[in-house]
PDB file of all heavy atoms in Angstrom:
ATOM      1  N   PHE A   1     -43.270  73.117   1.970  1.00  0.00           N
ATOM      2  CA  PHE A   1     -44.031  74.075   1.188  1.00  0.00           C
ATOM      3  C   PHE A   1     -43.288  75.398   1.100  1.00  0.00           C
ATOM      4  O   PHE A   1     -42.710  75.865   2.084  1.00  0.00           O
ATOM      5  CB  PHE A   1     -45.401  74.280   1.843  1.00  0.00           C
ATOM      6  CG  PHE A   1     -46.167  75.458   1.317  1.00  0.00           C
ATOM      7  CD1 PHE A   1     -46.855  75.383   0.119  1.00  0.00           C
ATOM      8  CD2 PHE A   1     -46.203  76.643   2.028  1.00  0.00           C
ATOM      9  CE1 PHE A   1     -47.564  76.468  -0.363  1.00  0.00           C
ATOM     10  CE2 PHE A   1     -46.908  77.730   1.561  1.00  0.00           C
ATOM     11  CZ  PHE A   1     -47.586  77.636   0.358  1.00  0.00           C
ATOM     12  N   VAL A   2     -43.340  76.018  -0.084  1.00  0.00           N
ATOM     13  CA  VAL A   2     -42.703  77.312  -0.299  1.00  0.00           C
ATOM     14  C   VAL A   2     -43.730  78.400  -0.607  1.00  0.00           C
ATOM     15  O   VAL A   2     -43.774  79.434   0.063  1.00  0.00           O
ATOM     16  CB  VAL A   2     -41.657  77.244  -1.430  1.00  0.00           C
ATOM     17  CG1 VAL A   2     -41.091  78.628  -1.720  1.00  0.00           C
ATOM     18  CG2 VAL A   2     -40.547  76.274  -1.066  1.00  0.00           C
ATOM     19  N   ALA A   3     -44.564  78.177  -1.630  1.00  0.00           N
ATOM     20  CA  ALA A   3     -45.497  79.213  -2.066  1.00  0.00           C
ATOM     21  C   ALA A   3     -46.611  78.588  -2.885  1.00  0.00           C
ATOM     22  O   ALA A   3     -46.446  77.529  -3.479  1.00  0.00           O
ATOM     23  CB  ALA A   3     -44.788  80.284  -2.890  1.00  0.00           C
ATOM     24  N   ILE A   4     -47.757  79.269  -2.939  1.00  0.00           N
ATOM     25  CA  ILE A   4     -48.892  78.824  -3.739  1.00  0.00           C
ATOM     26  C   ILE A   4     -49.570  80.024  -4.374  1.00  0.00           C
ATOM     27  O   ILE A   4     -49.636  81.103  -3.770  1.00  0.00           O
ATOM     28  CB  ILE A   4     -49.906  78.026  -2.881  1.00  0.00           C
ATOM     29  CG1 ILE A   4     -51.033  77.459  -3.743  1.00  0.00           C
ATOM     30  CG2 ILE A   4     -50.463  78.871  -1.743  1.00  0.00           C
ATOM     31  CD1 ILE A   4     -51.934  76.477  -3.011  1.00  0.00           C
ATOM     32  N   VAL A   5     -50.041  79.854  -5.600  1.00  0.00           N
ATOM     33  CA  VAL A   5     -50.939  80.806  -6.224  1.00  0.00           C
ATOM     34  C   VAL A   5     -52.192  80.042  -6.645  1.00  0.00           C
ATOM     35  O   VAL A   5     -52.114  79.061  -7.385  1.00  0.00           O
ATOM     36  CB  VAL A   5     -50.283  81.553  -7.405  1.00  0.00           C
ATOM     37  CG1 VAL A   5     -49.739  80.605  -8.459  1.00  0.00           C
ATOM     38  CG2 VAL A   5     -51.267  82.538  -8.016  1.00  0.00           C
ATOM     39  N   ARG A   6     -53.343  80.477  -6.142  1.00  0.00           N
ATOM     40  CA  ARG A   6     -54.590  79.788  -6.411  1.00  0.00           C
ATOM     41  C   ARG A   6     -55.185  80.224  -7.738  1.00  0.00           C
ATOM     42  O   ARG A   6     -54.657  81.127  -8.400  1.00  0.00           O
ATOM     43  CB  ARG A   6     -55.555  80.010  -5.242  1.00  0.00           C
ATOM     44  CG  ARG A   6     -54.972  79.545  -3.912  1.00  0.00           C
ATOM     45  CD  ARG A   6     -55.959  79.605  -2.772  1.00  0.00           C
ATOM     46  NE  ARG A   6     -55.318  79.259  -1.514  1.00  0.00           N
ATOM     47  CZ  ARG A   6     -55.110  78.018  -1.083  1.00  0.00           C
ATOM     48  NH1 ARG A   6     -55.504  76.981  -1.807  1.00  0.00           N
ATOM     49  NH2 ARG A   6     -54.513  77.810   0.071  1.00  0.00           N
ATOM     50  N   THR A   7     -56.277  79.575  -8.131  1.00  0.00           N
ATOM     51  CA  THR A   7     -56.909  79.914  -9.402  1.00  0.00           C
ATOM     52  C   THR A   7     -57.408  81.360  -9.410  1.00  0.00           C
ATOM     53  O   THR A   7     -57.487  81.981 -10.471  1.00  0.00           O
ATOM     54  CB  THR A   7     -58.066  78.963  -9.703  1.00  0.00           C
ATOM     55  OG1 THR A   7     -59.017  78.991  -8.628  1.00  0.00           O
ATOM     56  CG2 THR A   7     -57.559  77.534  -9.882  1.00  0.00           C
ATOM     57  N   SER A   8     -57.727  81.880  -8.245  1.00  0.00           N
ATOM     58  CA  SER A   8     -58.173  83.257  -8.105  1.00  0.00           C
ATOM     59  C   SER A   8     -57.036  84.268  -8.236  1.00  0.00           C
ATOM     60  O   SER A   8     -57.288  85.463  -8.379  1.00  0.00           O
ATOM     61  CB  SER A   8     -58.845  83.452  -6.750  1.00  0.00           C
ATOM     62  OG  SER A   8     -57.914  83.263  -5.703  1.00  0.00           O
ATOM     63  N   GLY A   9     -55.791  83.792  -8.145  1.00  0.00           N
ATOM     64  CA  GLY A   9     -54.637  84.667  -8.114  1.00  0.00           C
ATOM     65  C   GLY A   9     -54.128  84.971  -6.716  1.00  0.00           C
ATOM     66  O   GLY A   9     -53.056  85.566  -6.566  1.00  0.00           O
ATOM     67  N   ASN A  10     -54.860  84.578  -5.681  1.00  0.00           N
ATOM     68  CA  ASN A  10     -54.401  84.778  -4.314  1.00  0.00           C
ATOM     69  C   ASN A  10     -53.162  83.934  -4.036  1.00  0.00           C
ATOM     70  O   ASN A  10     -53.032  82.816  -4.537  1.00  0.00           O
ATOM     71  CB  ASN A  10     -55.499  84.423  -3.311  1.00  0.00           C
ATOM     72  CG  ASN A  10     -56.620  85.433  -3.309  1.00  0.00           C
ATOM     73  OD1 ASN A  10     -56.451  86.579  -3.713  1.00  0.00           O
ATOM     74  ND2 ASN A  10     -57.791  85.016  -2.843  1.00  0.00           N
ATOM     75  N   THR A  11     -52.271  84.451  -3.212  1.00  0.00           N
ATOM     76  CA  THR A  11     -50.999  83.791  -2.919  1.00  0.00           C
ATOM     77  C   THR A  11     -50.781  83.631  -1.427  1.00  0.00           C
ATOM     78  O   THR A  11     -51.315  84.394  -0.612  1.00  0.00           O
ATOM     79  CB  THR A  11     -49.819  84.574  -3.506  1.00  0.00           C
ATOM     80  OG1 THR A  11     -49.800  85.892  -2.941  1.00  0.00           O
ATOM     81  CG2 THR A  11     -49.936  84.682  -5.015  1.00  0.00           C
ATOM     82  N   ASN A  12     -49.978  82.624  -1.064  1.00  0.00           N
ATOM     83  CA  ASN A  12     -49.526  82.420   0.302  1.00  0.00           C
ATOM     84  C   ASN A  12     -48.089  81.918   0.260  1.00  0.00           C
ATOM     85  O   ASN A  12     -47.687  81.261  -0.698  1.00  0.00           O
ATOM     86  CB  ASN A  12     -50.402  81.414   1.049  1.00  0.00           C
ATOM     87  CG  ASN A  12     -51.779  81.935   1.340  1.00  0.00           C
ATOM     88  OD1 ASN A  12     -52.727  81.654   0.621  1.00  0.00           O
ATOM     89  ND2 ASN A  12     -51.901  82.723   2.407  1.00  0.00           N
ATOM     90  N   TYR A  13     -47.336  82.211   1.330  1.00  0.00           N
ATOM     91  CA  TYR A  13     -45.921  81.869   1.384  1.00  0.00           C
ATOM     92  C   TYR A  13     -45.551  81.259   2.724  1.00  0.00           C
ATOM     93  O   TYR A  13     -46.154  81.566   3.753  1.00  0.00           O
ATOM     94  CB  TYR A  13     -45.064  83.120   1.179  1.00  0.00           C
ATOM     95  CG  TYR A  13     -45.283  83.791  -0.147  1.00  0.00           C
ATOM     96  CD1 TYR A  13     -46.254  84.772  -0.301  1.00  0.00           C
ATOM     97  CD2 TYR A  13     -44.518  83.433  -1.254  1.00  0.00           C
ATOM     98  CE1 TYR A  13     -46.463  85.381  -1.523  1.00  0.00           C
ATOM     99  CE2 TYR A  13     -44.722  84.045  -2.480  1.00  0.00           C
ATOM    100  CZ  TYR A  13     -45.694  85.013  -2.609  1.00  0.00           C
ATOM    101  OH  TYR A  13     -45.897  85.622  -3.825  1.00  0.00           O
ATOM    102  N   ALA A  14     -44.538  80.399   2.694  1.00  0.00           N
ATOM    103  CA  ALA A  14     -43.938  79.940   3.932  1.00  0.00           C
ATOM    104  C   ALA A  14     -43.280  81.122   4.635  1.00  0.00           C
ATOM    105  O   ALA A  14     -42.765  82.040   3.991  1.00  0.00           O
ATOM    106  CB  ALA A  14     -42.902  78.855   3.655  1.00  0.00           C
ATOM    107  N   ASP A  15     -43.290  81.090   5.964  1.00  0.00           N
ATOM    108  CA  ASP A  15     -42.695  82.189   6.722  1.00  0.00           C
ATOM    109  C   ASP A  15     -41.224  82.407   6.365  1.00  0.00           C
ATOM    110  O   ASP A  15     -40.736  83.542   6.382  1.00  0.00           O
ATOM    111  CB  ASP A  15     -42.825  81.931   8.222  1.00  0.00           C
ATOM    112  CG  ASP A  15     -44.246  82.108   8.723  1.00  0.00           C
ATOM    113  OD1 ASP A  15     -45.065  82.727   8.021  1.00  0.00           O
ATOM    114  OD2 ASP A  15     -44.536  81.627   9.838  1.00  0.00           O
ATOM    115  N   SER A  16     -40.520  81.338   6.034  1.00  0.00           N
ATOM    116  CA  SER A  16     -39.093  81.423   5.768  1.00  0.00           C
ATOM    117  C   SER A  16     -38.755  82.201   4.499  1.00  0.00           C
ATOM    118  O   SER A  16     -37.626  82.660   4.343  1.00  0.00           O
ATOM    119  CB  SER A  16     -38.489  80.020   5.686  1.00  0.00           C
ATOM    120  OG  SER A  16     -39.120  79.263   4.668  1.00  0.00           O
ATOM    121  N   VAL A  17     -39.724  82.353   3.593  1.00  0.00           N
ATOM    122  CA  VAL A  17     -39.467  83.045   2.331  1.00  0.00           C
ATOM    123  C   VAL A  17     -40.305  84.299   2.164  1.00  0.00           C
ATOM    124  O   VAL A  17     -40.116  85.040   1.185  1.00  0.00           O
ATOM    125  CB  VAL A  17     -39.688  82.118   1.116  1.00  0.00           C
ATOM    126  CG1 VAL A  17     -38.887  80.835   1.273  1.00  0.00           C
ATOM    127  CG2 VAL A  17     -41.170  81.806   0.917  1.00  0.00           C
ATOM    128  N   LYS A  18     -41.196  84.561   3.080  1.00  0.00           N
ATOM    129  CA  LYS A  18     -42.097  85.705   2.981  1.00  0.00           C
ATOM    130  C   LYS A  18     -41.301  87.005   2.883  1.00  0.00           C
ATOM    131  O   LYS A  18     -40.380  87.245   3.660  1.00  0.00           O
ATOM    132  CB  LYS A  18     -43.033  85.727   4.183  1.00  0.00           C
ATOM    133  CG  LYS A  18     -44.267  86.588   4.016  1.00  0.00           C
ATOM    134  CD  LYS A  18     -45.251  86.353   5.163  1.00  0.00           C
ATOM    135  CE  LYS A  18     -45.741  84.918   5.192  1.00  0.00           C
ATOM    136  NZ  LYS A  18     -46.717  84.683   6.297  1.00  0.00           N
ATOM    137  N   GLY A  19     -41.663  87.832   1.921  1.00  0.00           N
ATOM    138  CA  GLY A  19     -40.974  89.090   1.697  1.00  0.00           C
ATOM    139  C   GLY A  19     -39.794  88.986   0.761  1.00  0.00           C
ATOM    140  O   GLY A  19     -39.278  90.025   0.319  1.00  0.00           O
ATOM    141  N   ARG A  20     -39.344  87.771   0.455  1.00  0.00           N
ATOM    142  CA  ARG A  20     -38.206  87.569  -0.443  1.00  0.00           C
ATOM    143  C   ARG A  20     -38.602  86.908  -1.762  1.00  0.00           C
ATOM    144  O   ARG A  20     -37.992  87.193  -2.793  1.00  0.00           O
ATOM    145  CB  ARG A  20     -37.137  86.712   0.237  1.00  0.00           C
ATOM    146  CG  ARG A  20     -36.571  87.335   1.505  1.00  0.00           C
ATOM    147  CD  ARG A  20     -35.367  86.550   2.017  1.00  0.00           C
ATOM    148  NE  ARG A  20     -35.720  85.190   2.383  1.00  0.00           N
ATOM    149  CZ  ARG A  20     -35.206  84.095   1.815  1.00  0.00           C
ATOM    150  NH1 ARG A  20     -34.307  84.205   0.843  1.00  0.00           N
ATOM    151  NH2 ARG A  20     -35.575  82.890   2.233  1.00  0.00           N
ATOM    152  N   PHE A  21     -39.584  86.014  -1.719  1.00  0.00           N
ATOM    153  CA  PHE A  21     -40.007  85.269  -2.910  1.00  0.00           C
ATOM    154  C   PHE A  21     -41.362  85.777  -3.383  1.00  0.00           C
ATOM    155  O   PHE A  21     -42.183  86.255  -2.582  1.00  0.00           O
ATOM    156  CB  PHE A  21     -40.135  83.774  -2.612  1.00  0.00           C
ATOM    157  CG  PHE A  21     -38.842  83.050  -2.358  1.00  0.00           C
ATOM    158  CD1 PHE A  21     -37.650  83.721  -2.173  1.00  0.00           C
ATOM    159  CD2 PHE A  21     -38.837  81.664  -2.298  1.00  0.00           C
ATOM    160  CE1 PHE A  21     -36.460  83.047  -1.936  1.00  0.00           C
ATOM    161  CE2 PHE A  21     -37.665  80.969  -2.062  1.00  0.00           C
ATOM    162  CZ  PHE A  21     -36.474  81.658  -1.880  1.00  0.00           C
ATOM    163  N   ALA A  22     -41.628  85.635  -4.678  1.00  0.00           N
ATOM    164  CA  ALA A  22     -42.919  85.992  -5.244  1.00  0.00           C
ATOM    165  C   ALA A  22     -43.338  84.944  -6.270  1.00  0.00           C
ATOM    166  O   ALA A  22     -42.574  84.629  -7.188  1.00  0.00           O
ATOM    167  CB  ALA A  22     -42.867  87.370  -5.890  1.00  0.00           C
ATOM    168  N   ILE A  23     -44.534  84.403  -6.106  1.00  0.00           N
ATOM    169  CA  ILE A  23     -45.088  83.444  -7.047  1.00  0.00           C
ATOM    170  C   ILE A  23     -46.103  84.145  -7.943  1.00  0.00           C
ATOM    171  O   ILE A  23     -46.833  85.032  -7.489  1.00  0.00           O
ATOM    172  CB  ILE A  23     -45.729  82.242  -6.317  1.00  0.00           C
ATOM    173  CG1 ILE A  23     -46.120  81.139  -7.300  1.00  0.00           C
ATOM    174  CG2 ILE A  23     -46.918  82.674  -5.476  1.00  0.00           C
ATOM    175  CD1 ILE A  23     -46.553  79.839  -6.622  1.00  0.00           C
ATOM    176  N   SER A  24     -46.136  83.766  -9.208  1.00  0.00           N
ATOM    177  CA  SER A  24     -47.093  84.336 -10.145  1.00  0.00           C
ATOM    178  C   SER A  24     -47.430  83.294 -11.206  1.00  0.00           C
ATOM    179  O   SER A  24     -46.713  82.306 -11.375  1.00  0.00           O
ATOM    180  CB  SER A  24     -46.552  85.608 -10.794  1.00  0.00           C
ATOM    181  OG  SER A  24     -45.372  85.339 -11.533  1.00  0.00           O
ATOM    182  N   ARG A  25     -48.523  83.517 -11.915  1.00  0.00           N
ATOM    183  CA  ARG A  25     -48.920  82.592 -12.978  1.00  0.00           C
ATOM    184  C   ARG A  25     -49.335  83.360 -14.210  1.00  0.00           C
ATOM    185  O   ARG A  25     -49.876  84.471 -14.128  1.00  0.00           O
ATOM    186  CB  ARG A  25     -50.061  81.672 -12.506  1.00  0.00           C
ATOM    187  CG  ARG A  25     -51.370  82.380 -12.187  1.00  0.00           C
ATOM    188  CD  ARG A  25     -52.356  81.436 -11.487  1.00  0.00           C
ATOM    189  NE  ARG A  25     -52.728  80.322 -12.336  1.00  0.00           N
ATOM    190  CZ  ARG A  25     -53.164  79.144 -11.890  1.00  0.00           C
ATOM    191  NH1 ARG A  25     -53.261  78.934 -10.581  1.00  0.00           N
ATOM    192  NH2 ARG A  25     -53.487  78.186 -12.748  1.00  0.00           N
ATOM    193  N   ASP A  26     -49.072  82.761 -15.369  1.00  0.00           N
ATOM    194  CA  ASP A  26     -49.481  83.303 -16.653  1.00  0.00           C
ATOM    195  C   ASP A  26     -50.332  82.231 -17.315  1.00  0.00           C
ATOM    196  O   ASP A  26     -49.807  81.276 -17.896  1.00  0.00           O
ATOM    197  CB  ASP A  26     -48.268  83.657 -17.508  1.00  0.00           C
ATOM    198  CG  ASP A  26     -48.644  84.364 -18.798  1.00  0.00           C
ATOM    199  OD1 ASP A  26     -49.797  84.243 -19.243  1.00  0.00           O
ATOM    200  OD2 ASP A  26     -47.774  85.045 -19.368  1.00  0.00           O
ATOM    201  N   ASN A  27     -51.637  82.363 -17.212  1.00  0.00           N
ATOM    202  CA  ASN A  27     -52.539  81.336 -17.734  1.00  0.00           C
ATOM    203  C   ASN A  27     -52.460  81.210 -19.256  1.00  0.00           C
ATOM    204  O   ASN A  27     -52.692  80.133 -19.800  1.00  0.00           O
ATOM    205  CB  ASN A  27     -53.974  81.618 -17.302  1.00  0.00           C
ATOM    206  CG  ASN A  27     -54.211  81.357 -15.829  1.00  0.00           C
ATOM    207  OD1 ASN A  27     -53.395  80.724 -15.160  1.00  0.00           O
ATOM    208  ND2 ASN A  27     -55.326  81.851 -15.310  1.00  0.00           N
ATOM    209  N   ALA A  28     -52.139  82.298 -19.944  1.00  0.00           N
ATOM    210  CA  ALA A  28     -52.011  82.250 -21.398  1.00  0.00           C
ATOM    211  C   ALA A  28     -50.831  81.395 -21.829  1.00  0.00           C
ATOM    212  O   ALA A  28     -50.824  80.847 -22.930  1.00  0.00           O
ATOM    213  CB  ALA A  28     -51.885  83.656 -21.963  1.00  0.00           C
ATOM    214  N   LYS A  29     -49.807  81.283 -20.976  1.00  0.00           N
ATOM    215  CA  LYS A  29     -48.620  80.492 -21.274  1.00  0.00           C
ATOM    216  C   LYS A  29     -48.567  79.175 -20.516  1.00  0.00           C
ATOM    217  O   LYS A  29     -47.597  78.433 -20.648  1.00  0.00           O
ATOM    218  CB  LYS A  29     -47.362  81.297 -20.968  1.00  0.00           C
ATOM    219  CG  LYS A  29     -47.188  82.524 -21.839  1.00  0.00           C
ATOM    220  CD  LYS A  29     -45.893  83.252 -21.511  1.00  0.00           C
ATOM    221  CE  LYS A  29     -45.692  84.445 -22.419  1.00  0.00           C
ATOM    222  NZ  LYS A  29     -44.440  85.177 -22.100  1.00  0.00           N
ATOM    223  N   ASN A  30     -49.594  78.878 -19.715  1.00  0.00           N
ATOM    224  CA  ASN A  30     -49.620  77.668 -18.887  1.00  0.00           C
ATOM    225  C   ASN A  30     -48.340  77.536 -18.066  1.00  0.00           C
ATOM    226  O   ASN A  30     -47.742  76.462 -17.969  1.00  0.00           O
ATOM    227  CB  ASN A  30     -49.819  76.420 -19.746  1.00  0.00           C
ATOM    228  CG  ASN A  30     -51.228  76.299 -20.295  1.00  0.00           C
ATOM    229  OD1 ASN A  30     -52.113  77.086 -19.961  1.00  0.00           O
ATOM    230  ND2 ASN A  30     -51.445  75.306 -21.144  1.00  0.00           N
ATOM    231  N   THR A  31     -47.925  78.637 -17.453  1.00  0.00           N
ATOM    232  CA  THR A  31     -46.654  78.680 -16.751  1.00  0.00           C
ATOM    233  C   THR A  31     -46.808  79.370 -15.405  1.00  0.00           C
ATOM    234  O   THR A  31     -47.517  80.377 -15.289  1.00  0.00           O
ATOM    235  CB  THR A  31     -45.596  79.405 -17.591  1.00  0.00           C
ATOM    236  OG1 THR A  31     -45.420  78.713 -18.835  1.00  0.00           O
ATOM    237  CG2 THR A  31     -44.256  79.442 -16.869  1.00  0.00           C
ATOM    238  N   VAL A  32     -46.133  78.822 -14.394  1.00  0.00           N
ATOM    239  CA  VAL A  32     -46.051  79.443 -13.087  1.00  0.00           C
ATOM    240  C   VAL A  32     -44.591  79.789 -12.818  1.00  0.00           C
ATOM    241  O   VAL A  32     -43.678  79.064 -13.241  1.00  0.00           O
ATOM    242  CB  VAL A  32     -46.632  78.537 -11.977  1.00  0.00           C
ATOM    243  CG1 VAL A  32     -45.842  77.235 -11.849  1.00  0.00           C
ATOM    244  CG2 VAL A  32     -46.694  79.271 -10.643  1.00  0.00           C
ATOM    245  N   TYR A  33     -44.357  80.905 -12.119  1.00  0.00           N
ATOM    246  CA  TYR A  33     -43.015  81.392 -11.845  1.00  0.00           C
ATOM    247  C   TYR A  33     -42.785  81.513 -10.344  1.00  0.00           C
ATOM    248  O   TYR A  33     -43.716  81.686  -9.563  1.00  0.00           O
ATOM    249  CB  TYR A  33     -42.803  82.769 -12.478  1.00  0.00           C
ATOM    250  CG  TYR A  33     -43.074  82.814 -13.957  1.00  0.00           C
ATOM    251  CD1 TYR A  33     -44.319  83.209 -14.438  1.00  0.00           C
ATOM    252  CD2 TYR A  33     -42.095  82.463 -14.878  1.00  0.00           C
ATOM    253  CE1 TYR A  33     -44.580  83.256 -15.794  1.00  0.00           C
ATOM    254  CE2 TYR A  33     -42.344  82.505 -16.232  1.00  0.00           C
ATOM    255  CZ  TYR A  33     -43.588  82.903 -16.689  1.00  0.00           C
ATOM    256  OH  TYR A  33     -43.839  82.944 -18.042  1.00  0.00           O
ATOM    257  N   LEU A  34     -41.531  81.443  -9.963  1.00  0.00           N
ATOM    258  CA  LEU A  34     -41.125  81.760  -8.600  1.00  0.00           C
ATOM    259  C   LEU A  34     -39.904  82.667  -8.682  1.00  0.00           C
ATOM    260  O   LEU A  34     -38.818  82.216  -9.048  1.00  0.00           O
ATOM    261  CB  LEU A  34     -40.793  80.497  -7.799  1.00  0.00           C
ATOM    262  CG  LEU A  34     -40.447  80.742  -6.331  1.00  0.00           C
ATOM    263  CD1 LEU A  34     -41.683  81.219  -5.560  1.00  0.00           C
ATOM    264  CD2 LEU A  34     -39.873  79.480  -5.683  1.00  0.00           C
ATOM    265  N   GLU A  35     -40.107  83.940  -8.364  1.00  0.00           N
ATOM    266  CA  GLU A  35     -38.998  84.882  -8.311  1.00  0.00           C
ATOM    267  C   GLU A  35     -38.419  84.873  -6.909  1.00  0.00           C
ATOM    268  O   GLU A  35     -39.144  85.086  -5.937  1.00  0.00           O
ATOM    269  CB  GLU A  35     -39.455  86.281  -8.698  1.00  0.00           C
ATOM    270  CG  GLU A  35     -38.315  87.279  -8.762  1.00  0.00           C
ATOM    271  CD  GLU A  35     -38.714  88.620  -9.324  1.00  0.00           C
ATOM    272  OE1 GLU A  35     -39.862  88.768  -9.781  1.00  0.00           O
ATOM    273  OE2 GLU A  35     -37.870  89.535  -9.318  1.00  0.00           O
ATOM    274  N   MET A  36     -37.130  84.616  -6.807  1.00  0.00           N
ATOM    275  CA  MET A  36     -36.452  84.481  -5.530  1.00  0.00           C
ATOM    276  C   MET A  36     -35.413  85.589  -5.416  1.00  0.00           C
ATOM    277  O   MET A  36     -34.507  85.681  -6.248  1.00  0.00           O
ATOM    278  CB  MET A  36     -35.798  83.107  -5.413  1.00  0.00           C
ATOM    279  CG  MET A  36     -36.771  81.949  -5.639  1.00  0.00           C
ATOM    280  SD  MET A  36     -35.990  80.325  -5.424  1.00  0.00           S
ATOM    281  CE  MET A  36     -34.858  80.341  -6.812  1.00  0.00           C
ATOM    282  N   ASN A  37     -35.545  86.406  -4.390  1.00  0.00           N
ATOM    283  CA  ASN A  37     -34.640  87.527  -4.151  1.00  0.00           C
ATOM    284  C   ASN A  37     -33.968  87.389  -2.801  1.00  0.00           C
ATOM    285  O   ASN A  37     -34.465  86.698  -1.914  1.00  0.00           O
ATOM    286  CB  ASN A  37     -35.406  88.845  -4.212  1.00  0.00           C
ATOM    287  CG  ASN A  37     -36.087  89.071  -5.537  1.00  0.00           C
ATOM    288  OD1 ASN A  37     -35.444  89.028  -6.581  1.00  0.00           O
ATOM    289  ND2 ASN A  37     -37.392  89.316  -5.509  1.00  0.00           N
TER     290      ASN A  37
END
């Protein structure tokens, strides 16, 4: 597991990526993103 964004918009991350990765969703585009830094 890496990351999750729930229907509410709440997110959780694996400890190994916390602070570096960000998950987001755009419901209008039916798309989920994972930004990795």
